[in-house]
Amino acid sequence: MINSRLAVSVHILALIATHPDQALSSEYIAGSVNTNPVVIRRLTGLLRHAGLLKTVAGKTGATLTKDPAAITLLMVYRAVEPKETLFSMHEHPNPACPVGRNIQSTLDDTFVRAQQALEAELEAETLSDVIHRLAIAR
C-alpha cells in the first residue's frame, strides 16, 4: 500500500483553500483528517519548503502561495513523497536463477512507464479540480 502523505497533504491544502479568511490550526486540520497534529505540522513543513504554503512564525495558520488552479497534484506529490521512484526491485535476486538474473531488466521499462503514467495523471489534476469535486459531493 502506498502511504497516505499525498492524500493528507491534498486534504490540508483543500481545507486551507476553502477557508481563506480563517487561520486554521494544526489541531483543527488534524481533526478533519482524523490524525495527530504532529503529522499535520510535518506535512505543512514539507509543503512550505516546496513553496506551496506560507506560514508566519508564532502565528496560527497557513496560506496558499499560489491559486488552487496553479497547484497540481504532482507538485504536492513531489513535495511530500520520498525522492525514490514509486516502484523498486527487491535487492540481490539470485543470479544463478534465470528468473532472478533477468527480473529487474524485464520489469524496468514497465515500472518506468507506470511511474510516468502516475505523474502525468497527477500533473493533469489541480487543487482547484479537487475543491470543485468536493463542492459537488456536499
N, C-alpha and C. Protein backbone atom coordinates (compact mmCIF):
# COMPACT_ATOMS: atom_id res chain seq x y z
N MET A 1 0.84 -1.18 0.00
CA MET A 1 0.00 0.00 0.00
C MET A 1 0.89 1.25 0.00
N ILE A 2 0.59 2.18 -0.84
CA ILE A 2 1.29 3.45 -0.87
C ILE A 2 0.80 4.25 0.33
N ASN A 3 1.72 4.96 0.97
CA ASN A 3 1.33 5.70 2.17
C ASN A 3 0.35 6.83 1.84
N SER A 4 -0.15 7.45 2.87
CA SER A 4 -1.22 8.43 2.70
C SER A 4 -0.74 9.88 2.72
N ARG A 5 0.57 10.12 2.65
CA ARG A 5 1.07 11.51 2.70
C ARG A 5 0.45 12.39 1.62
N LEU A 6 0.33 11.88 0.42
CA LEU A 6 -0.24 12.68 -0.67
C LEU A 6 -1.69 13.04 -0.36
N ALA A 7 -2.49 12.06 0.00
CA ALA A 7 -3.91 12.32 0.28
C ALA A 7 -4.08 13.29 1.44
N VAL A 8 -3.31 13.11 2.50
CA VAL A 8 -3.42 14.00 3.65
C VAL A 8 -2.97 15.41 3.27
N SER A 9 -1.93 15.51 2.46
CA SER A 9 -1.44 16.83 2.03
C SER A 9 -2.46 17.56 1.17
N VAL A 10 -3.13 16.84 0.28
CA VAL A 10 -4.18 17.46 -0.53
C VAL A 10 -5.34 17.88 0.38
N HIS A 11 -5.64 17.08 1.38
CA HIS A 11 -6.68 17.41 2.36
C HIS A 11 -6.32 18.74 3.06
N ILE A 12 -5.08 18.85 3.51
CA ILE A 12 -4.61 20.07 4.18
C ILE A 12 -4.79 21.28 3.26
N LEU A 13 -4.30 21.16 2.03
CA LEU A 13 -4.37 22.27 1.09
C LEU A 13 -5.81 22.64 0.76
N ALA A 14 -6.66 21.64 0.61
CA ALA A 14 -8.07 21.90 0.30
C ALA A 14 -8.75 22.63 1.46
N LEU A 15 -8.45 22.23 2.68
CA LEU A 15 -9.03 22.93 3.84
C LEU A 15 -8.58 24.39 3.87
N ILE A 16 -7.30 24.60 3.69
CA ILE A 16 -6.78 25.98 3.72
C ILE A 16 -7.39 26.80 2.59
N ALA A 17 -7.49 26.19 1.41
CA ALA A 17 -8.04 26.91 0.25
C ALA A 17 -9.51 27.25 0.43
N THR A 18 -10.25 26.39 1.09
CA THR A 18 -11.69 26.64 1.25
C THR A 18 -12.02 27.48 2.48
N HIS A 19 -11.00 27.81 3.26
CA HIS A 19 -11.18 28.68 4.43
C HIS A 19 -10.13 29.80 4.38
N PRO A 20 -10.11 30.59 3.32
CA PRO A 20 -9.02 31.57 3.13
C PRO A 20 -8.97 32.67 4.18
N ASP A 21 -10.07 32.95 4.83
CA ASP A 21 -10.11 34.03 5.82
C ASP A 21 -9.95 33.53 7.25
N GLN A 22 -9.68 32.23 7.40
CA GLN A 22 -9.53 31.66 8.74
C GLN A 22 -8.11 31.14 8.92
N ALA A 23 -7.56 31.37 10.09
CA ALA A 23 -6.24 30.83 10.43
C ALA A 23 -6.45 29.45 11.06
N LEU A 24 -6.39 28.43 10.22
CA LEU A 24 -6.66 27.07 10.69
C LEU A 24 -5.46 26.52 11.45
N SER A 25 -5.68 26.07 12.66
CA SER A 25 -4.60 25.49 13.46
C SER A 25 -4.33 24.06 13.02
N SER A 26 -3.16 23.55 13.37
CA SER A 26 -2.85 22.16 13.05
C SER A 26 -3.80 21.23 13.79
N GLU A 27 -4.30 21.65 14.95
CA GLU A 27 -5.27 20.84 15.69
C GLU A 27 -6.59 20.76 14.94
N TYR A 28 -7.03 21.88 14.39
CA TYR A 28 -8.28 21.89 13.61
C TYR A 28 -8.14 21.00 12.38
N ILE A 29 -7.04 21.17 11.65
CA ILE A 29 -6.82 20.37 10.44
C ILE A 29 -6.71 18.89 10.82
N ALA A 30 -6.01 18.60 11.90
CA ALA A 30 -5.87 17.21 12.35
C ALA A 30 -7.23 16.60 12.67
N GLY A 31 -8.14 17.40 13.21
CA GLY A 31 -9.49 16.91 13.49
C GLY A 31 -10.22 16.53 12.23
N SER A 32 -10.03 17.31 11.16
CA SER A 32 -10.67 16.99 9.89
C SER A 32 -10.06 15.74 9.26
N VAL A 33 -8.74 15.63 9.36
CA VAL A 33 -8.04 14.48 8.78
C VAL A 33 -8.19 13.24 9.66
N ASN A 34 -8.46 13.48 10.95
CA ASN A 34 -8.52 12.43 11.95
C ASN A 34 -7.14 11.81 12.19
N THR A 35 -6.19 12.70 12.46
CA THR A 35 -4.82 12.27 12.75
C THR A 35 -4.26 13.17 13.83
N ASN A 36 -3.00 12.97 14.15
CA ASN A 36 -2.31 13.75 15.16
C ASN A 36 -1.84 15.09 14.58
N PRO A 37 -1.93 16.17 15.33
CA PRO A 37 -1.45 17.47 14.83
C PRO A 37 0.03 17.46 14.42
N VAL A 38 0.82 16.59 15.02
CA VAL A 38 2.24 16.49 14.65
C VAL A 38 2.37 16.07 13.18
N VAL A 39 1.52 15.18 12.73
CA VAL A 39 1.52 14.74 11.33
C VAL A 39 1.22 15.93 10.43
N ILE A 40 0.25 16.73 10.83
CA ILE A 40 -0.13 17.92 10.05
C ILE A 40 1.02 18.91 9.99
N ARG A 41 1.66 19.15 11.13
CA ARG A 41 2.78 20.10 11.16
C ARG A 41 3.95 19.61 10.30
N ARG A 42 4.21 18.32 10.32
CA ARG A 42 5.29 17.76 9.50
C ARG A 42 5.00 17.94 8.01
N LEU A 43 3.78 17.62 7.59
CA LEU A 43 3.41 17.77 6.18
C LEU A 43 3.33 19.24 5.78
N THR A 44 2.82 20.08 6.67
CA THR A 44 2.78 21.51 6.39
C THR A 44 4.18 22.05 6.17
N GLY A 45 5.13 21.57 6.95
CA GLY A 45 6.52 21.98 6.77
C GLY A 45 7.06 21.58 5.40
N LEU A 46 6.73 20.36 4.95
CA LEU A 46 7.17 19.93 3.62
C LEU A 46 6.51 20.77 2.53
N LEU A 47 5.24 21.07 2.70
CA LEU A 47 4.52 21.89 1.71
C LEU A 47 5.07 23.32 1.69
N ARG A 48 5.44 23.82 2.85
CA ARG A 48 6.04 25.15 2.94
C ARG A 48 7.42 25.14 2.26
N HIS A 49 8.21 24.13 2.54
CA HIS A 49 9.54 24.01 1.93
C HIS A 49 9.45 23.94 0.40
N ALA A 50 8.38 23.33 -0.10
CA ALA A 50 8.19 23.21 -1.55
C ALA A 50 7.60 24.48 -2.16
N GLY A 51 7.28 25.46 -1.33
CA GLY A 51 6.76 26.72 -1.84
C GLY A 51 5.27 26.73 -2.11
N LEU A 52 4.54 25.79 -1.53
CA LEU A 52 3.09 25.73 -1.74
C LEU A 52 2.30 26.42 -0.64
N LEU A 53 2.91 26.54 0.54
CA LEU A 53 2.29 27.19 1.68
C LEU A 53 3.22 28.25 2.24
N LYS A 54 2.60 29.23 2.90
CA LYS A 54 3.36 30.25 3.62
C LYS A 54 2.85 30.27 5.05
N THR A 55 3.76 30.27 5.99
CA THR A 55 3.41 30.40 7.40
C THR A 55 4.21 31.55 7.99
N VAL A 56 3.74 32.04 9.13
CA VAL A 56 4.43 33.10 9.85
C VAL A 56 4.76 32.56 11.24
N ALA A 57 6.02 32.63 11.62
CA ALA A 57 6.45 32.13 12.92
C ALA A 57 5.63 32.78 14.03
N GLY A 58 5.15 31.94 14.95
CA GLY A 58 4.39 32.43 16.09
C GLY A 58 2.94 32.75 15.80
N LYS A 59 2.52 32.55 14.56
CA LYS A 59 1.13 32.85 14.19
C LYS A 59 0.46 31.56 13.70
N THR A 60 -0.76 31.33 14.16
CA THR A 60 -1.52 30.15 13.75
C THR A 60 -1.95 30.29 12.30
N GLY A 61 -1.90 29.18 11.58
CA GLY A 61 -2.45 29.15 10.23
C GLY A 61 -1.40 29.20 9.14
N ALA A 62 -1.85 28.91 7.97
CA ALA A 62 -1.01 28.94 6.76
C ALA A 62 -1.86 29.44 5.61
N THR A 63 -1.20 29.95 4.60
CA THR A 63 -1.90 30.39 3.39
C THR A 63 -1.24 29.76 2.18
N LEU A 64 -2.04 29.58 1.14
CA LEU A 64 -1.50 29.08 -0.11
C LEU A 64 -0.64 30.17 -0.75
N THR A 65 0.42 29.75 -1.41
CA THR A 65 1.27 30.72 -2.12
C THR A 65 0.86 30.87 -3.57
N LYS A 66 -0.02 29.99 -4.04
CA LYS A 66 -0.48 30.02 -5.42
C LYS A 66 -1.99 29.82 -5.43
N ASP A 67 -2.59 30.20 -6.51
CA ASP A 67 -4.01 29.92 -6.73
C ASP A 67 -4.19 28.40 -6.80
N PRO A 68 -5.29 27.87 -6.26
CA PRO A 68 -5.52 26.42 -6.32
C PRO A 68 -5.45 25.85 -7.75
N ALA A 69 -5.80 26.64 -8.74
CA ALA A 69 -5.73 26.17 -10.13
C ALA A 69 -4.29 26.03 -10.61
N ALA A 70 -3.35 26.63 -9.90
CA ALA A 70 -1.94 26.56 -10.29
C ALA A 70 -1.17 25.50 -9.50
N ILE A 71 -1.84 24.82 -8.58
CA ILE A 71 -1.20 23.78 -7.79
C ILE A 71 -1.65 22.42 -8.32
N THR A 72 -0.73 21.71 -8.95
CA THR A 72 -1.08 20.37 -9.45
C THR A 72 -0.82 19.34 -8.35
N LEU A 73 -1.50 18.23 -8.47
CA LEU A 73 -1.26 17.16 -7.51
C LEU A 73 0.15 16.60 -7.65
N LEU A 74 0.75 16.74 -8.83
CA LEU A 74 2.14 16.32 -8.99
C LEU A 74 3.06 17.21 -8.14
N MET A 75 2.77 18.49 -8.06
CA MET A 75 3.56 19.38 -7.20
C MET A 75 3.46 18.93 -5.74
N VAL A 76 2.28 18.57 -5.33
CA VAL A 76 2.06 18.11 -3.95
C VAL A 76 2.79 16.79 -3.74
N TYR A 77 2.64 15.87 -4.68
CA TYR A 77 3.31 14.56 -4.61
C TYR A 77 4.82 14.74 -4.45
N ARG A 78 5.39 15.58 -5.27
CA ARG A 78 6.84 15.79 -5.21
C ARG A 78 7.26 16.49 -3.92
N ALA A 79 6.37 17.25 -3.33
CA ALA A 79 6.68 17.94 -2.08
C ALA A 79 6.74 16.99 -0.89
N VAL A 80 5.90 15.97 -0.90
CA VAL A 80 5.75 15.16 0.32
C VAL A 80 6.20 13.71 0.21
N GLU A 81 6.46 13.24 -0.99
CA GLU A 81 6.89 11.85 -1.14
C GLU A 81 8.41 11.78 -1.23
N PRO A 82 8.97 10.68 -0.75
CA PRO A 82 10.42 10.49 -0.88
C PRO A 82 10.83 10.57 -2.35
N LYS A 83 12.05 10.91 -2.59
CA LYS A 83 12.52 11.14 -3.95
C LYS A 83 12.76 9.85 -4.74
N GLU A 84 12.63 8.72 -4.10
CA GLU A 84 12.79 7.47 -4.83
C GLU A 84 11.64 7.27 -5.81
N THR A 85 11.85 6.36 -6.74
CA THR A 85 10.77 6.04 -7.67
C THR A 85 9.70 5.24 -6.93
N LEU A 86 8.53 5.22 -7.49
CA LEU A 86 7.40 4.53 -6.88
C LEU A 86 7.65 3.03 -6.75
N PHE A 87 8.23 2.46 -7.78
CA PHE A 87 8.47 1.02 -7.80
C PHE A 87 9.95 0.74 -7.64
N SER A 88 10.27 -0.25 -6.85
CA SER A 88 11.66 -0.66 -6.73
C SER A 88 11.73 -2.18 -6.75
N MET A 89 12.88 -2.65 -7.11
CA MET A 89 13.11 -4.09 -7.17
C MET A 89 13.62 -4.56 -5.82
N HIS A 90 13.34 -5.81 -5.51
CA HIS A 90 13.94 -6.40 -4.32
C HIS A 90 15.44 -6.53 -4.56
N GLU A 91 16.20 -6.45 -3.51
CA GLU A 91 17.64 -6.47 -3.66
C GLU A 91 18.19 -7.88 -3.75
N HIS A 92 19.21 -8.00 -4.53
CA HIS A 92 20.02 -9.21 -4.64
C HIS A 92 19.26 -10.48 -5.02
N PRO A 93 18.51 -10.46 -6.14
CA PRO A 93 17.92 -11.73 -6.59
C PRO A 93 19.06 -12.69 -6.95
N ASN A 94 18.77 -13.93 -6.92
CA ASN A 94 19.78 -14.97 -7.15
C ASN A 94 20.24 -14.94 -8.62
N PRO A 95 21.51 -14.60 -8.88
CA PRO A 95 21.98 -14.54 -10.26
C PRO A 95 22.11 -15.91 -10.92
N ALA A 96 22.10 -16.97 -10.12
CA ALA A 96 22.16 -18.32 -10.68
C ALA A 96 20.80 -18.78 -11.20
N CYS A 97 19.75 -18.08 -10.83
CA CYS A 97 18.40 -18.41 -11.27
C CYS A 97 18.08 -17.59 -12.52
N PRO A 98 17.56 -18.22 -13.58
CA PRO A 98 17.24 -17.45 -14.79
C PRO A 98 16.21 -16.35 -14.55
N VAL A 99 15.28 -16.55 -13.65
CA VAL A 99 14.32 -15.50 -13.33
C VAL A 99 15.00 -14.41 -12.51
N GLY A 100 15.72 -14.81 -11.48
CA GLY A 100 16.42 -13.86 -10.63
C GLY A 100 17.41 -13.01 -11.40
N ARG A 101 18.10 -13.61 -12.35
CA ARG A 101 19.12 -12.93 -13.15
C ARG A 101 18.49 -11.87 -14.07
N ASN A 102 17.25 -12.09 -14.51
CA ASN A 102 16.64 -11.23 -15.53
C ASN A 102 15.41 -10.43 -15.08
N ILE A 103 14.99 -10.61 -13.85
CA ILE A 103 13.72 -9.98 -13.44
C ILE A 103 13.80 -8.46 -13.47
N GLN A 104 14.91 -7.89 -13.02
CA GLN A 104 15.00 -6.43 -12.98
C GLN A 104 14.95 -5.83 -14.37
N SER A 105 15.74 -6.32 -15.29
CA SER A 105 15.74 -5.76 -16.64
C SER A 105 14.41 -6.00 -17.34
N THR A 106 13.74 -7.08 -16.97
CA THR A 106 12.43 -7.38 -17.56
C THR A 106 11.37 -6.40 -17.09
N LEU A 107 11.43 -5.97 -15.84
CA LEU A 107 10.40 -5.09 -15.28
C LEU A 107 10.74 -3.60 -15.36
N ASP A 108 11.98 -3.26 -15.60
CA ASP A 108 12.40 -1.85 -15.60
C ASP A 108 11.52 -0.97 -16.49
N ASP A 109 11.31 -1.32 -17.73
CA ASP A 109 10.51 -0.49 -18.64
C ASP A 109 9.07 -0.35 -18.16
N THR A 110 8.50 -1.44 -17.67
CA THR A 110 7.13 -1.41 -17.17
C THR A 110 7.02 -0.45 -15.98
N PHE A 111 7.97 -0.54 -15.07
CA PHE A 111 7.93 0.32 -13.89
C PHE A 111 8.13 1.79 -14.26
N VAL A 112 8.99 2.07 -15.22
CA VAL A 112 9.20 3.45 -15.68
C VAL A 112 7.91 3.99 -16.30
N ARG A 113 7.26 3.19 -17.15
CA ARG A 113 6.00 3.64 -17.78
C ARG A 113 4.91 3.86 -16.73
N ALA A 114 4.85 3.01 -15.73
CA ALA A 114 3.84 3.17 -14.68
C ALA A 114 4.09 4.45 -13.89
N GLN A 115 5.35 4.74 -13.57
CA GLN A 115 5.70 5.97 -12.86
C GLN A 115 5.32 7.19 -13.71
N GLN A 116 5.62 7.12 -14.99
CA GLN A 116 5.29 8.23 -15.89
C GLN A 116 3.79 8.44 -16.00
N ALA A 117 3.03 7.34 -16.04
CA ALA A 117 1.57 7.45 -16.11
C ALA A 117 1.02 8.09 -14.84
N LEU A 118 1.52 7.68 -13.69
CA LEU A 118 1.09 8.27 -12.43
C LEU A 118 1.38 9.77 -12.43
N GLU A 119 2.60 10.15 -12.80
CA GLU A 119 2.97 11.56 -12.79
C GLU A 119 2.16 12.37 -13.79
N ALA A 120 1.86 11.80 -14.94
CA ALA A 120 1.04 12.51 -15.93
C ALA A 120 -0.37 12.74 -15.39
N GLU A 121 -0.93 11.77 -14.73
CA GLU A 121 -2.27 11.91 -14.16
C GLU A 121 -2.28 12.97 -13.06
N LEU A 122 -1.27 12.95 -12.19
CA LEU A 122 -1.19 13.94 -11.12
C LEU A 122 -0.94 15.34 -11.66
N GLU A 123 -0.20 15.44 -12.76
CA GLU A 123 0.06 16.74 -13.39
C GLU A 123 -1.22 17.33 -13.99
N ALA A 124 -2.12 16.47 -14.43
CA ALA A 124 -3.36 16.92 -15.08
C ALA A 124 -4.43 17.36 -14.09
N GLU A 125 -4.23 17.07 -12.81
CA GLU A 125 -5.23 17.36 -11.78
C GLU A 125 -4.72 18.50 -10.90
N THR A 126 -5.58 19.49 -10.65
CA THR A 126 -5.18 20.60 -9.79
C THR A 126 -5.95 20.58 -8.47
N LEU A 127 -5.47 21.35 -7.54
CA LEU A 127 -6.18 21.51 -6.28
C LEU A 127 -7.56 22.10 -6.53
N SER A 128 -7.66 22.97 -7.49
CA SER A 128 -8.96 23.55 -7.86
C SER A 128 -9.93 22.46 -8.33
N ASP A 129 -9.44 21.49 -9.10
CA ASP A 129 -10.28 20.36 -9.54
C ASP A 129 -10.81 19.59 -8.33
N VAL A 130 -9.94 19.35 -7.37
CA VAL A 130 -10.32 18.61 -6.16
C VAL A 130 -11.39 19.40 -5.40
N ILE A 131 -11.16 20.68 -5.21
CA ILE A 131 -12.10 21.53 -4.48
C ILE A 131 -13.46 21.56 -5.19
N HIS A 132 -13.44 21.62 -6.50
CA HIS A 132 -14.69 21.62 -7.27
C HIS A 132 -15.47 20.32 -7.01
N ARG A 133 -14.78 19.19 -7.04
CA ARG A 133 -15.46 17.91 -6.79
C ARG A 133 -15.93 17.79 -5.36
N LEU A 134 -15.19 18.37 -4.43
CA LEU A 134 -15.64 18.37 -3.04
C LEU A 134 -16.94 19.16 -2.89
N ALA A 135 -17.04 20.28 -3.58
CA ALA A 135 -18.26 21.10 -3.51
C ALA A 135 -19.46 20.34 -4.06
N ILE A 136 -19.24 19.59 -5.13
CA ILE A 136 -20.33 18.78 -5.72
C ILE A 136 -20.75 17.68 -4.76
N ALA A 137 -19.79 17.10 -4.03
CA ALA A 137 -20.08 15.98 -3.14
C ALA A 137 -20.87 16.40 -1.90
N ARG A 138 -20.86 17.67 -1.59
CA ARG A 138 -21.58 18.14 -0.38
C ARG A 138 -23.01 17.98 -0.59
